[in-house]
């Protein structure tokens, strides 16, 4: 018991923090431009903010242009949310569906 209290972080290191790879499927909403390729496999340990940067580059958006990302057409996850956590909770089949829009679509 004393050993566990002395070094509580060992269990977190030994266990994986969700899937290493996550498959994302992007779906355009409203007047958002369509992507030629919509499915991508990414590192599950990345944060959603990485997806924002990726989408901005793919869609050739300026920093001044708005971009909204939603999970399963329902809510906007926090940019610091881990993709593996979203995948485990909200996957549809074997993919995490992320909707993107240039204007606010859902609350």
PDB file of N, CA and C in Angstrom:
ATOM      1  N   UNK A   1       0.824  -1.193   0.000  1.00  0.00           N
ATOM      2  CA  UNK A   1       0.000   0.000   0.000  1.00  0.00           C
ATOM      3  C   UNK A   1       0.864   1.250   0.000  1.00  0.00           C
ATOM      4  N   UNK A   2       1.945   1.239   0.756  1.00  0.00           N
ATOM      5  CA  UNK A   2       2.821   2.401   0.825  1.00  0.00           C
ATOM      6  C   UNK A   2       3.468   2.675  -0.527  1.00  0.00           C
ATOM      7  N   UNK A   3       3.807   1.599  -1.260  1.00  0.00           N
ATOM      8  CA  UNK A   3       4.417   1.784  -2.575  1.00  0.00           C
ATOM      9  C   UNK A   3       3.464   2.464  -3.546  1.00  0.00           C
ATOM     10  N   UNK A   4       2.195   2.090  -3.513  1.00  0.00           N
ATOM     11  CA  UNK A   4       1.207   2.694  -4.409  1.00  0.00           C
ATOM     12  C   UNK A   4       1.019   4.168  -4.105  1.00  0.00           C
ATOM     13  N   UNK A   5       1.028   4.519  -2.820  1.00  0.00           N
ATOM     14  CA  UNK A   5       0.873   5.923  -2.442  1.00  0.00           C
ATOM     15  C   UNK A   5       2.104   6.734  -2.807  1.00  0.00           C
ATOM     16  N   UNK A   6       3.273   6.110  -2.750  1.00  0.00           N
ATOM     17  CA  UNK A   6       4.505   6.830  -3.030  1.00  0.00           C
ATOM     18  C   UNK A   6       4.643   7.169  -4.511  1.00  0.00           C
ATOM     19  N   UNK A   7       4.062   6.339  -5.359  1.00  0.00           N
ATOM     20  CA  UNK A   7       4.213   6.551  -6.789  1.00  0.00           C
ATOM     21  C   UNK A   7       2.886   6.294  -7.505  1.00  0.00           C
ATOM     22  N   UNK A   8       1.903   7.178  -7.333  1.00  0.00           N
ATOM     23  CA  UNK A   8       0.573   6.925  -7.877  1.00  0.00           C
ATOM     24  C   UNK A   8       0.487   6.984  -9.395  1.00  0.00           C
ATOM     25  N   UNK A   9       1.457   7.543 -10.077  1.00  0.00           N
ATOM     26  CA  UNK A   9       1.381   7.703 -11.524  1.00  0.00           C
ATOM     27  C   UNK A   9       1.725   6.456 -12.314  1.00  0.00           C
ATOM     28  N   UNK A  10       2.251   5.415 -11.667  1.00  0.00           N
ATOM     29  CA  UNK A  10       2.664   4.214 -12.396  1.00  0.00           C
ATOM     30  C   UNK A  10       1.519   3.528 -13.113  1.00  0.00           C
ATOM     31  N   UNK A  11       0.349   3.472 -12.534  1.00  0.00           N
ATOM     32  CA  UNK A  11      -0.782   2.813 -13.179  1.00  0.00           C
ATOM     33  C   UNK A  11      -1.159   3.518 -14.477  1.00  0.00           C
ATOM     34  N   UNK A  12      -1.131   4.838 -14.481  1.00  0.00           N
ATOM     35  CA  UNK A  12      -1.487   5.594 -15.682  1.00  0.00           C
ATOM     36  C   UNK A  12      -0.481   5.349 -16.801  1.00  0.00           C
ATOM     37  N   UNK A  13       0.781   5.148 -16.445  1.00  0.00           N
ATOM     38  CA  UNK A  13       1.811   4.900 -17.445  1.00  0.00           C
ATOM     39  C   UNK A  13       1.647   3.505 -18.034  1.00  0.00           C
ATOM     40  N   UNK A  14       1.280   2.535 -17.218  1.00  0.00           N
ATOM     41  CA  UNK A  14       1.161   1.153 -17.663  1.00  0.00           C
ATOM     42  C   UNK A  14      -0.050   0.939 -18.566  1.00  0.00           C
ATOM     43  N   UNK A  15      -1.134   1.660 -18.337  1.00  0.00           N
ATOM     44  CA  UNK A  15      -2.357   1.486 -19.127  1.00  0.00           C
ATOM     45  C   UNK A  15      -2.383   2.455 -20.303  1.00  0.00           C
ATOM     46  N   UNK A  16      -2.817   1.984 -21.466  1.00  0.00           N
ATOM     47  CA  UNK A  16      -2.976   2.916 -22.586  1.00  0.00           C
ATOM     48  C   UNK A  16      -4.129   3.881 -22.331  1.00  0.00           C
ATOM     49  N   UNK A  17      -4.047   5.055 -22.904  1.00  0.00           N
ATOM     50  CA  UNK A  17      -5.059   6.093 -22.709  1.00  0.00           C
ATOM     51  C   UNK A  17      -6.047   6.117 -23.866  1.00  0.00           C
ATOM     52  N   UNK A  18      -6.537   4.988 -24.277  1.00  0.00           N
ATOM     53  CA  UNK A  18      -7.470   4.931 -25.394  1.00  0.00           C
ATOM     54  C   UNK A  18      -6.768   4.426 -26.638  1.00  0.00           C
ATOM     55  N   UNK A  19      -7.489   4.362 -27.742  1.00  0.00           N
ATOM     56  CA  UNK A  19      -6.901   3.838 -28.979  1.00  0.00           C
ATOM     57  C   UNK A  19      -5.754   4.712 -29.476  1.00  0.00           C
ATOM     58  N   UNK A  20      -4.708   4.054 -29.987  1.00  0.00           N
ATOM     59  CA  UNK A  20      -3.565   4.792 -30.526  1.00  0.00           C
ATOM     60  C   UNK A  20      -3.935   5.496 -31.829  1.00  0.00           C
ATOM     61  N   UNK A  21      -4.759   4.858 -32.640  1.00  0.00           N
ATOM     62  CA  UNK A  21      -5.188   5.441 -33.910  1.00  0.00           C
ATOM     63  C   UNK A  21      -6.706   5.554 -33.922  1.00  0.00           C
ATOM     64  N   UNK A  22      -7.185   6.665 -34.438  1.00  0.00           N
ATOM     65  CA  UNK A  22      -8.620   6.939 -34.508  1.00  0.00           C
ATOM     66  C   UNK A  22      -8.947   7.327 -35.949  1.00  0.00           C
ATOM     67  N   UNK A  23     -10.011   6.761 -36.492  1.00  0.00           N
ATOM     68  CA  UNK A  23     -10.454   7.120 -37.837  1.00  0.00           C
ATOM     69  C   UNK A  23     -11.535   8.184 -37.730  1.00  0.00           C
ATOM     70  N   UNK A  24     -11.291   9.308 -38.385  1.00  0.00           N
ATOM     71  CA  UNK A  24     -12.234  10.425 -38.394  1.00  0.00           C
ATOM     72  C   UNK A  24     -12.924  10.481 -39.750  1.00  0.00           C
ATOM     73  N   UNK A  25     -14.206  10.786 -39.730  1.00  0.00           N
ATOM     74  CA  UNK A  25     -14.941  11.030 -40.973  1.00  0.00           C
ATOM     75  C   UNK A  25     -15.506  12.433 -40.897  1.00  0.00           C
ATOM     76  N   UNK A  26     -15.126  13.272 -41.846  1.00  0.00           N
ATOM     77  CA  UNK A  26     -15.568  14.660 -41.871  1.00  0.00           C
ATOM     78  C   UNK A  26     -16.794  14.809 -42.765  1.00  0.00           C
ATOM     79  N   UNK A  27     -17.786  15.543 -42.258  1.00  0.00           N
ATOM     80  CA  UNK A  27     -19.018  15.792 -42.998  1.00  0.00           C
ATOM     81  C   UNK A  27     -19.251  17.301 -43.028  1.00  0.00           C
ATOM     82  N   UNK A  28     -19.352  17.867 -44.227  1.00  0.00           N
ATOM     83  CA  UNK A  28     -19.604  19.305 -44.374  1.00  0.00           C
ATOM     84  C   UNK A  28     -21.046  19.621 -44.000  1.00  0.00           C
ATOM     85  N   UNK A  29     -21.232  20.789 -43.392  1.00  0.00           N
ATOM     86  CA  UNK A  29     -22.566  21.252 -42.997  1.00  0.00           C
ATOM     87  C   UNK A  29     -22.795  22.618 -43.633  1.00  0.00           C
ATOM     88  N   UNK A  30     -23.998  22.839 -44.142  1.00  0.00           N
ATOM     89  CA  UNK A  30     -24.343  24.137 -44.721  1.00  0.00           C
ATOM     90  C   UNK A  30     -23.518  24.443 -45.951  1.00  0.00           C
ATOM     91  N   UNK A  31     -22.948  25.635 -45.981  1.00  0.00           N
ATOM     92  CA  UNK A  31     -22.189  26.076 -47.150  1.00  0.00           C
ATOM     93  C   UNK A  31     -20.692  25.791 -47.034  1.00  0.00           C
ATOM     94  N   UNK A  32     -20.296  24.951 -46.096  1.00  0.00           N
ATOM     95  CA  UNK A  32     -18.877  24.617 -45.946  1.00  0.00           C
ATOM     96  C   UNK A  32     -18.383  23.881 -47.189  1.00  0.00           C
ATOM     97  N   UNK A  33     -17.170  24.174 -47.622  1.00  0.00           N
ATOM     98  CA  UNK A  33     -16.641  23.490 -48.804  1.00  0.00           C
ATOM     99  C   UNK A  33     -16.471  21.991 -48.549  1.00  0.00           C
ATOM    100  N   UNK A  34     -16.698  21.193 -49.581  1.00  0.00           N
ATOM    101  CA  UNK A  34     -16.541  19.745 -49.469  1.00  0.00           C
ATOM    102  C   UNK A  34     -15.071  19.368 -49.592  1.00  0.00           C
ATOM    103  N   UNK A  35     -14.692  18.325 -48.894  1.00  0.00           N
ATOM    104  CA  UNK A  35     -13.341  17.792 -48.989  1.00  0.00           C
ATOM    105  C   UNK A  35     -13.356  16.633 -49.980  1.00  0.00           C
ATOM    106  N   UNK A  36     -12.286  16.484 -50.763  1.00  0.00           N
ATOM    107  CA  UNK A  36     -12.202  15.375 -51.714  1.00  0.00           C
ATOM    108  C   UNK A  36     -12.132  14.042 -50.977  1.00  0.00           C
ATOM    109  N   UNK A  37     -11.372  14.025 -49.924  1.00  0.00           N
ATOM    110  CA  UNK A  37     -11.230  12.830 -49.089  1.00  0.00           C
ATOM    111  C   UNK A  37     -11.836  13.154 -47.732  1.00  0.00           C
ATOM    112  N   UNK A  38     -12.670  12.273 -47.199  1.00  0.00           N
ATOM    113  CA  UNK A  38     -13.371  12.592 -45.951  1.00  0.00           C
ATOM    114  C   UNK A  38     -12.953  11.739 -44.764  1.00  0.00           C
ATOM    115  N   UNK A  39     -12.239  10.637 -44.983  1.00  0.00           N
ATOM    116  CA  UNK A  39     -11.809   9.775 -43.875  1.00  0.00           C
ATOM    117  C   UNK A  39     -10.304   9.858 -43.704  1.00  0.00           C
ATOM    118  N   UNK A  40      -9.885  10.029 -42.450  1.00  0.00           N
ATOM    119  CA  UNK A  40      -8.475  10.124 -42.113  1.00  0.00           C
ATOM    120  C   UNK A  40      -8.223   9.359 -40.822  1.00  0.00           C
ATOM    121  N   UNK A  41      -7.072   8.737 -40.717  1.00  0.00           N
ATOM    122  CA  UNK A  41      -6.666   8.072 -39.483  1.00  0.00           C
ATOM    123  C   UNK A  41      -5.619   8.951 -38.816  1.00  0.00           C
ATOM    124  N   UNK A  42      -5.852   9.256 -37.541  1.00  0.00           N
ATOM    125  CA  UNK A  42      -4.981  10.169 -36.806  1.00  0.00           C
ATOM    126  C   UNK A  42      -4.575   9.541 -35.479  1.00  0.00           C
ATOM    127  N   UNK A  43      -3.630  10.171 -34.817  1.00  0.00           N
ATOM    128  CA  UNK A  43      -3.182   9.732 -33.502  1.00  0.00           C
ATOM    129  C   UNK A  43      -4.281   9.990 -32.478  1.00  0.00           C
ATOM    130  N   UNK A  44      -4.688   8.976 -31.751  1.00  0.00           N
ATOM    131  CA  UNK A  44      -5.753   9.107 -30.763  1.00  0.00           C
ATOM    132  C   UNK A  44      -5.387   9.976 -29.580  1.00  0.00           C
ATOM    133  N   UNK A  45      -4.090  10.166 -29.344  1.00  0.00           N
ATOM    134  CA  UNK A  45      -3.661  10.973 -28.208  1.00  0.00           C
ATOM    135  C   UNK A  45      -3.642  12.470 -28.521  1.00  0.00           C
ATOM    136  N   UNK A  46      -3.859  12.824 -29.791  1.00  0.00           N
ATOM    137  CA  UNK A  46      -3.910  14.242 -30.169  1.00  0.00           C
ATOM    138  C   UNK A  46      -5.175  14.897 -29.634  1.00  0.00           C
ATOM    139  N   UNK A  47      -5.101  16.210 -29.489  1.00  0.00           N
ATOM    140  CA  UNK A  47      -6.267  16.977 -29.057  1.00  0.00           C
ATOM    141  C   UNK A  47      -7.060  17.428 -30.284  1.00  0.00           C
ATOM    142  N   UNK A  48      -8.305  17.810 -30.058  1.00  0.00           N
ATOM    143  CA  UNK A  48      -9.167  18.275 -31.142  1.00  0.00           C
ATOM    144  C   UNK A  48      -8.582  19.519 -31.819  1.00  0.00           C
ATOM    145  N   UNK A  49      -7.786  20.291 -31.109  1.00  0.00           N
ATOM    146  CA  UNK A  49      -7.175  21.484 -31.706  1.00  0.00           C
ATOM    147  C   UNK A  49      -6.312  21.122 -32.917  1.00  0.00           C
ATOM    148  N   UNK A  50      -5.737  19.930 -32.926  1.00  0.00           N
ATOM    149  CA  UNK A  50      -4.959  19.459 -34.077  1.00  0.00           C
ATOM    150  C   UNK A  50      -5.878  19.299 -35.288  1.00  0.00           C
ATOM    151  N   UNK A  51      -7.100  18.845 -35.054  1.00  0.00           N
ATOM    152  CA  UNK A  51      -8.084  18.685 -36.128  1.00  0.00           C
ATOM    153  C   UNK A  51      -8.462  20.050 -36.699  1.00  0.00           C
ATOM    154  N   UNK A  52      -8.627  21.053 -35.828  1.00  0.00           N
ATOM    155  CA  UNK A  52      -8.931  22.406 -36.298  1.00  0.00           C
ATOM    156  C   UNK A  52      -7.842  22.893 -37.251  1.00  0.00           C
ATOM    157  N   UNK A  53      -6.580  22.720 -36.871  1.00  0.00           N
ATOM    158  CA  UNK A  53      -5.468  23.154 -37.722  1.00  0.00           C
ATOM    159  C   UNK A  53      -5.469  22.396 -39.048  1.00  0.00           C
ATOM    160  N   UNK A  54      -5.701  21.091 -38.971  1.00  0.00           N
ATOM    161  CA  UNK A  54      -5.739  20.258 -40.168  1.00  0.00           C
ATOM    162  C   UNK A  54      -6.859  20.701 -41.112  1.00  0.00           C
ATOM    163  N   UNK A  55      -8.059  20.910 -40.561  1.00  0.00           N
ATOM    164  CA  UNK A  55      -9.195  21.334 -41.389  1.00  0.00           C
ATOM    165  C   UNK A  55      -8.948  22.699 -42.025  1.00  0.00           C
ATOM    166  N   UNK A  56      -8.384  23.619 -41.263  1.00  0.00           N
ATOM    167  CA  UNK A  56      -8.088  24.956 -41.808  1.00  0.00           C
ATOM    168  C   UNK A  56      -7.162  24.844 -43.018  1.00  0.00           C
ATOM    169  N   UNK A  57      -6.177  23.963 -42.901  1.00  0.00           N
ATOM    170  CA  UNK A  57      -5.234  23.776 -44.006  1.00  0.00           C
ATOM    171  C   UNK A  57      -5.928  23.111 -45.200  1.00  0.00           C
ATOM    172  N   UNK A  58      -6.702  22.053 -44.949  1.00  0.00           N
ATOM    173  CA  UNK A  58      -7.393  21.334 -46.024  1.00  0.00           C
ATOM    174  C   UNK A  58      -8.393  22.224 -46.762  1.00  0.00           C
ATOM    175  N   UNK A  59      -9.103  23.063 -46.000  1.00  0.00           N
ATOM    176  CA  UNK A  59     -10.139  23.918 -46.582  1.00  0.00           C
ATOM    177  C   UNK A  59      -9.597  25.264 -47.054  1.00  0.00           C
ATOM    178  N   UNK A  60      -8.313  25.499 -46.820  1.00  0.00           N
ATOM    179  CA  UNK A  60      -7.638  26.741 -47.198  1.00  0.00           C
ATOM    180  C   UNK A  60      -8.336  27.962 -46.604  1.00  0.00           C
ATOM    181  N   UNK A  61      -8.600  27.877 -45.296  1.00  0.00           N
ATOM    182  CA  UNK A  61      -9.258  28.980 -44.593  1.00  0.00           C
ATOM    183  C   UNK A  61      -8.226  29.946 -44.038  1.00  0.00           C
ATOM    184  N   UNK A  62      -8.565  31.208 -44.042  1.00  0.00           N
ATOM    185  CA  UNK A  62      -7.729  32.227 -43.412  1.00  0.00           C
ATOM    186  C   UNK A  62      -7.967  32.181 -41.909  1.00  0.00           C
ATOM    187  N   UNK A  63      -7.019  32.709 -41.154  1.00  0.00           N
ATOM    188  CA  UNK A  63      -7.166  32.751 -39.696  1.00  0.00           C
ATOM    189  C   UNK A  63      -8.389  33.553 -39.275  1.00  0.00           C
ATOM    190  N   UNK A  64      -8.785  34.516 -40.098  1.00  0.00           N
ATOM    191  CA  UNK A  64      -9.929  35.368 -39.754  1.00  0.00           C
ATOM    192  C   UNK A  64     -11.279  34.689 -40.027  1.00  0.00           C
ATOM    193  N   UNK A  65     -11.282  33.581 -40.774  1.00  0.00           N
ATOM    194  CA  UNK A  65     -12.532  32.884 -41.098  1.00  0.00           C
ATOM    195  C   UNK A  65     -12.910  31.914 -39.978  1.00  0.00           C
ATOM    196  N   UNK A  66     -14.199  31.858 -39.681  1.00  0.00           N
ATOM    197  CA  UNK A  66     -14.697  30.987 -38.618  1.00  0.00           C
ATOM    198  C   UNK A  66     -14.714  29.532 -39.066  1.00  0.00           C
ATOM    199  N   UNK A  67     -14.501  28.643 -38.102  1.00  0.00           N
ATOM    200  CA  UNK A  67     -14.614  27.209 -38.336  1.00  0.00           C
ATOM    201  C   UNK A  67     -15.234  26.588 -37.093  1.00  0.00           C
ATOM    202  N   UNK A  68     -16.311  25.853 -37.284  1.00  0.00           N
ATOM    203  CA  UNK A  68     -16.998  25.179 -36.188  1.00  0.00           C
ATOM    204  C   UNK A  68     -16.924  23.679 -36.429  1.00  0.00           C
ATOM    205  N   UNK A  69     -16.594  22.929 -35.388  1.00  0.00           N
ATOM    206  CA  UNK A  69     -16.505  21.471 -35.481  1.00  0.00           C
ATOM    207  C   UNK A  69     -17.460  20.870 -34.459  1.00  0.00           C
ATOM    208  N   UNK A  70     -18.257  19.918 -34.922  1.00  0.00           N
ATOM    209  CA  UNK A  70     -19.267  19.271 -34.074  1.00  0.00           C
ATOM    210  C   UNK A  70     -19.073  17.759 -34.109  1.00  0.00           C
ATOM    211  N   UNK A  71     -19.427  17.124 -33.029  1.00  0.00           N
ATOM    212  CA  UNK A  71     -19.351  15.675 -32.921  1.00  0.00           C
ATOM    213  C   UNK A  71     -20.748  15.090 -33.117  1.00  0.00           C
ATOM    214  N   UNK A  72     -20.894  14.223 -34.112  1.00  0.00           N
ATOM    215  CA  UNK A  72     -22.169  13.545 -34.395  1.00  0.00           C
ATOM    216  C   UNK A  72     -23.345  14.503 -34.546  1.00  0.00           C
ATOM    217  N   UNK A  73     -23.155  15.613 -35.193  1.00  0.00           N
ATOM    218  CA  UNK A  73     -24.229  16.585 -35.465  1.00  0.00           C
ATOM    219  C   UNK A  73     -24.932  17.077 -34.212  1.00  0.00           C
ATOM    220  N   UNK A  74     -24.230  17.095 -33.081  1.00  0.00           N
ATOM    221  CA  UNK A  74     -24.949  17.478 -31.865  1.00  0.00           C
ATOM    222  C   UNK A  74     -24.253  18.499 -30.984  1.00  0.00           C
ATOM    223  N   UNK A  75     -22.968  18.378 -30.745  1.00  0.00           N
ATOM    224  CA  UNK A  75     -22.319  19.309 -29.823  1.00  0.00           C
ATOM    225  C   UNK A  75     -20.908  19.629 -30.296  1.00  0.00           C
ATOM    226  N   UNK A  76     -20.404  20.762 -29.813  1.00  0.00           N
ATOM    227  CA  UNK A  76     -19.051  21.192 -30.150  1.00  0.00           C
ATOM    228  C   UNK A  76     -18.120  20.826 -28.995  1.00  0.00           C
ATOM    229  N   UNK A  77     -17.272  19.817 -29.169  1.00  0.00           N
ATOM    230  CA  UNK A  77     -16.352  19.443 -28.096  1.00  0.00           C
ATOM    231  C   UNK A  77     -15.290  20.514 -27.879  1.00  0.00           C
ATOM    232  N   UNK A  78     -14.723  20.508 -26.705  1.00  0.00           N
ATOM    233  CA  UNK A  78     -13.669  21.451 -26.352  1.00  0.00           C
ATOM    234  C   UNK A  78     -12.414  21.162 -27.182  1.00  0.00           C
ATOM    235  N   UNK A  79     -11.691  22.200 -27.608  1.00  0.00           N
ATOM    236  CA  UNK A  79     -10.474  21.981 -28.404  1.00  0.00           C
ATOM    237  C   UNK A  79      -9.394  21.174 -27.678  1.00  0.00           C
ATOM    238  N   UNK A  80      -9.429  21.135 -26.338  1.00  0.00           N
ATOM    239  CA  UNK A  80      -8.417  20.363 -25.616  1.00  0.00           C
ATOM    240  C   UNK A  80      -8.848  18.918 -25.347  1.00  0.00           C
ATOM    241  N   UNK A  81      -9.984  18.517 -25.894  1.00  0.00           N
ATOM    242  CA  UNK A  81     -10.490  17.146 -25.732  1.00  0.00           C
ATOM    243  C   UNK A  81      -9.632  16.178 -26.537  1.00  0.00           C
ATOM    244  N   UNK A  82      -9.262  15.056 -25.950  1.00  0.00           N
ATOM    245  CA  UNK A  82      -8.477  14.032 -26.648  1.00  0.00           C
ATOM    246  C   UNK A  82      -9.362  13.285 -27.646  1.00  0.00           C
ATOM    247  N   UNK A  83      -8.831  13.026 -28.818  1.00  0.00           N
ATOM    248  CA  UNK A  83      -9.589  12.328 -29.858  1.00  0.00           C
ATOM    249  C   UNK A  83      -9.949  10.907 -29.425  1.00  0.00           C
ATOM    250  N   UNK A  84      -9.059  10.252 -28.690  1.00  0.00           N
ATOM    251  CA  UNK A  84      -9.351   8.891 -28.231  1.00  0.00           C
ATOM    252  C   UNK A  84     -10.542   8.869 -27.287  1.00  0.00           C
ATOM    253  N   UNK A  85     -10.655   9.878 -26.453  1.00  0.00           N
ATOM    254  CA  UNK A  85     -11.782   9.965 -25.524  1.00  0.00           C
ATOM    255  C   UNK A  85     -13.091  10.180 -26.281  1.00  0.00           C
ATOM    256  N   UNK A  86     -13.073  11.076 -27.253  1.00  0.00           N
ATOM    257  CA  UNK A  86     -14.260  11.304 -28.083  1.00  0.00           C
ATOM    258  C   UNK A  86     -14.633  10.035 -28.850  1.00  0.00           C
ATOM    259  N   UNK A  87     -13.627   9.364 -29.384  1.00  0.00           N
ATOM    260  CA  UNK A  87     -13.867   8.145 -30.158  1.00  0.00           C
ATOM    261  C   UNK A  87     -14.520   7.067 -29.298  1.00  0.00           C
ATOM    262  N   UNK A  88     -13.987   6.850 -28.101  1.00  0.00           N
ATOM    263  CA  UNK A  88     -14.533   5.818 -27.216  1.00  0.00           C
ATOM    264  C   UNK A  88     -15.978   6.111 -26.831  1.00  0.00           C
ATOM    265  N   UNK A  89     -16.317   7.371 -26.683  1.00  0.00           N
ATOM    266  CA  UNK A  89     -17.661   7.735 -26.224  1.00  0.00           C
ATOM    267  C   UNK A  89     -18.671   7.910 -27.352  1.00  0.00           C
ATOM    268  N   UNK A  90     -18.226   8.356 -28.529  1.00  0.00           N
ATOM    269  CA  UNK A  90     -19.171   8.771 -29.567  1.00  0.00           C
ATOM    270  C   UNK A  90     -18.939   8.139 -30.939  1.00  0.00           C
ATOM    271  N   UNK A  91     -18.174   7.081 -31.016  1.00  0.00           N
ATOM    272  CA  UNK A  91     -17.923   6.461 -32.324  1.00  0.00           C
ATOM    273  C   UNK A  91     -19.201   5.904 -32.928  1.00  0.00           C
ATOM    274  N   UNK A  92     -19.260   5.952 -34.239  1.00  0.00           N
ATOM    275  CA  UNK A  92     -20.365   5.363 -34.996  1.00  0.00           C
ATOM    276  C   UNK A  92     -19.728   4.289 -35.866  1.00  0.00           C
ATOM    277  N   UNK A  93     -19.973   3.033 -35.536  1.00  0.00           N
ATOM    278  CA  UNK A  93     -19.274   1.947 -36.214  1.00  0.00           C
ATOM    279  C   UNK A  93     -17.814   1.986 -35.811  1.00  0.00           C
ATOM    280  N   UNK A  94     -16.946   2.185 -36.775  1.00  0.00           N
ATOM    281  CA  UNK A  94     -15.515   2.248 -36.479  1.00  0.00           C
ATOM    282  C   UNK A  94     -14.920   3.625 -36.754  1.00  0.00           C
ATOM    283  N   UNK A  95     -15.773   4.665 -36.846  1.00  0.00           N
ATOM    284  CA  UNK A  95     -15.282   6.020 -37.107  1.00  0.00           C
ATOM    285  C   UNK A  95     -15.892   7.020 -36.125  1.00  0.00           C
ATOM    286  N   UNK A  96     -15.198   8.123 -35.946  1.00  0.00           N
ATOM    287  CA  UNK A  96     -15.725   9.262 -35.199  1.00  0.00           C
ATOM    288  C   UNK A  96     -16.172  10.287 -36.231  1.00  0.00           C
ATOM    289  N   UNK A  97     -17.457  10.578 -36.271  1.00  0.00           N
ATOM    290  CA  UNK A  97     -18.003  11.518 -37.252  1.00  0.00           C
ATOM    291  C   UNK A  97     -17.871  12.935 -36.707  1.00  0.00           C
ATOM    292  N   UNK A  98     -17.164  13.777 -37.452  1.00  0.00           N
ATOM    293  CA  UNK A  98     -17.012  15.186 -37.100  1.00  0.00           C
ATOM    294  C   UNK A  98     -17.606  16.033 -38.219  1.00  0.00           C
ATOM    295  N   UNK A  99     -18.573  16.852 -37.872  1.00  0.00           N
ATOM    296  CA  UNK A  99     -19.176  17.778 -38.825  1.00  0.00           C
ATOM    297  C   UNK A  99     -18.424  19.093 -38.731  1.00  0.00           C
ATOM    298  N   UNK A 100     -18.249  19.760 -39.867  1.00  0.00           N
ATOM    299  CA  UNK A 100     -17.588  21.063 -39.855  1.00  0.00           C
ATOM    300  C   UNK A 100     -18.428  22.060 -40.638  1.00  0.00           C
ATOM    301  N   UNK A 101     -18.358  23.311 -40.184  1.00  0.00           N
ATOM    302  CA  UNK A 101     -19.166  24.366 -40.794  1.00  0.00           C
ATOM    303  C   UNK A 101     -18.432  25.692 -40.669  1.00  0.00           C
ATOM    304  N   UNK A 102     -18.744  26.615 -41.559  1.00  0.00           N
ATOM    305  CA  UNK A 102     -18.160  27.956 -41.487  1.00  0.00           C
ATOM    306  C   UNK A 102     -19.044  28.901 -40.684  1.00  0.00           C
ATOM    307  N   UNK A 103     -20.257  28.465 -40.399  1.00  0.00           N
ATOM    308  CA  UNK A 103     -21.174  29.232 -39.550  1.00  0.00           C
ATOM    309  C   UNK A 103     -21.685  28.305 -38.455  1.00  0.00           C
ATOM    310  N   UNK A 104     -22.159  28.878 -37.375  1.00  0.00           N
ATOM    311  CA  UNK A 104     -22.650  28.061 -36.272  1.00  0.00           C
ATOM    312  C   UNK A 104     -23.873  27.265 -36.722  1.00  0.00           C
ATOM    313  N   UNK A 105     -23.843  25.957 -36.508  1.00  0.00           N
ATOM    314  CA  UNK A 105     -24.923  25.096 -36.983  1.00  0.00           C
ATOM    315  C   UNK A 105     -25.762  24.532 -35.841  1.00  0.00           C
ATOM    316  N   UNK A 106     -25.117  24.094 -34.791  1.00  0.00           N
ATOM    317  CA  UNK A 106     -25.813  23.543 -33.625  1.00  0.00           C
ATOM    318  C   UNK A 106     -25.279  24.235 -32.383  1.00  0.00           C
ATOM    319  N   UNK A 107     -26.064  24.208 -31.315  1.00  0.00           N
ATOM    320  CA  UNK A 107     -25.681  24.846 -30.046  1.00  0.00           C
ATOM    321  C   UNK A 107     -24.612  24.094 -29.387  1.00  0.00           C
TER     322      UNK A 107
END
